[in-house]
Amino acid sequence: MNDVFSVLSDPTRRSIIEQLSKGERSVQELAQPFDMSLPAISKHLKVLENAGLVTHRKEGRYRYYSIKPDSMDDACEWMETLKQLWSKFGGMFGCSKNTKQ
């Protein structure tokens, strides 16, 4: 779970995950919104793959990436537990939606 949070701390990788949430994409498609080289995007994809968040398939010269369906289960479960704890204490740390500032 620590790997997931560490990997997703990078805004480029979060953006890649957002793109993949809409379906399978090639490396070239994933690279389009960024001002970086294909090798740089490939490094980000390798980090995501090593953390178990994405998978790929190869078709000819091209690689197509997709999200691994259950890859975030542990992290989501942990965050849900924290959400319940915060709610129990009335929005501890100022994280409650009902807290007016």
Foldseek 3Di string as FASTA:
>chain_A
DVLVVVLCVDPLLVQLQVVQVVHKDWLVVSCVVDPDDSVVSVVSVVSCVVLVQKDWDDDVPIIIIHGDVCSCVVVVVVVVVVVVVCVVVPNPPVNDPPDDD
